[in-house]
Amino acid sequence: MPVPKRHKTHSKVKMASANKGLKTRSLSVCPQCQEPKLPHRVCPNCGYYKDKQVLAIEEE
């Protein structure tokens, strides 16, 4: 089994893993209010999730 020839420093390990959390997010459209929202989450604009009202949003 291959073994690394040189020890990887702490800074190089941190630099390599720094980009793991940076992902582009895709947006979907809310079927109720047609606003963009993150998929599989409650719509922050109208409070609906899968055709059911989950949050009571007060409109001003």
Protein backbone atom coordinates (compact mmCIF):
# COMPACT_ATOMS: atom_id res chain seq x y z
CA MET A 1 0.00 0.00 0.00
CA PRO A 2 1.45 3.42 -0.91
CA VAL A 3 2.58 5.70 1.88
CA PRO A 4 3.18 9.48 1.59
CA LYS A 5 6.88 10.25 1.21
CA ARG A 6 6.71 13.58 3.06
CA HIS A 7 4.68 14.76 6.06
CA LYS A 8 1.93 17.22 5.13
CA THR A 9 2.10 20.35 7.31
CA HIS A 10 -0.89 21.65 9.29
CA SER A 11 -1.18 24.72 7.07
CA LYS A 12 -1.27 22.63 3.88
CA VAL A 13 -3.97 20.38 5.37
CA LYS A 14 -6.05 23.43 6.33
CA MET A 15 -5.55 25.01 2.90
CA ALA A 16 -6.68 21.82 1.18
CA SER A 17 -9.84 21.55 3.27
CA ALA A 18 -10.70 25.26 3.13
CA ASN A 19 -12.74 24.90 -0.07
CA LYS A 20 -14.86 21.98 1.11
CA GLY A 21 -17.53 24.25 2.60
CA LEU A 22 -17.77 26.55 -0.41
CA LYS A 23 -20.46 25.19 -2.71
CA THR A 24 -22.77 27.02 -5.03
CA ARG A 25 -26.36 26.72 -3.95
CA SER A 26 -29.12 26.01 -6.40
CA LEU A 27 -32.42 27.83 -5.96
CA SER A 28 -35.88 26.49 -6.60
CA VAL A 29 -39.15 28.37 -7.03
CA CYS A 30 -41.83 28.36 -4.35
CA PRO A 31 -45.08 26.93 -5.79
CA GLN A 32 -47.20 29.31 -3.67
CA CYS A 33 -45.61 32.74 -4.13
CA GLN A 34 -43.18 32.06 -7.03
CA GLU A 35 -40.24 33.50 -5.05
CA PRO A 36 -36.79 31.86 -5.14
CA LYS A 37 -35.99 29.68 -2.13
CA LEU A 38 -33.53 26.97 -1.13
CA PRO A 39 -34.72 23.47 -1.98
CA HIS A 40 -36.19 21.29 0.82
CA ARG A 41 -36.70 24.30 3.10
CA VAL A 42 -39.61 26.45 4.21
CA CYS A 43 -40.16 29.48 2.00
CA PRO A 44 -39.05 32.56 3.96
CA ASN A 45 -41.49 34.75 2.03
CA CYS A 46 -44.80 32.92 2.53
CA GLY A 47 -44.03 30.20 5.12
CA TYR A 48 -45.20 27.24 3.00
CA TYR A 49 -43.48 23.87 2.65
CA LYS A 50 -44.89 21.21 0.30
CA ASP A 51 -48.30 22.91 -0.04
CA LYS A 52 -48.74 23.24 3.75
CA GLN A 53 -48.36 26.42 5.77
CA VAL A 54 -45.69 25.78 8.39
CA LEU A 55 -44.81 29.31 9.51
CA ALA A 56 -47.20 32.16 10.17
CA ILE A 57 -45.70 35.12 8.29
CA GLU A 58 -47.16 38.52 9.09
CA GLU A 59 -47.54 40.71 6.02
CA GLU A 60 -47.04 44.40 6.44
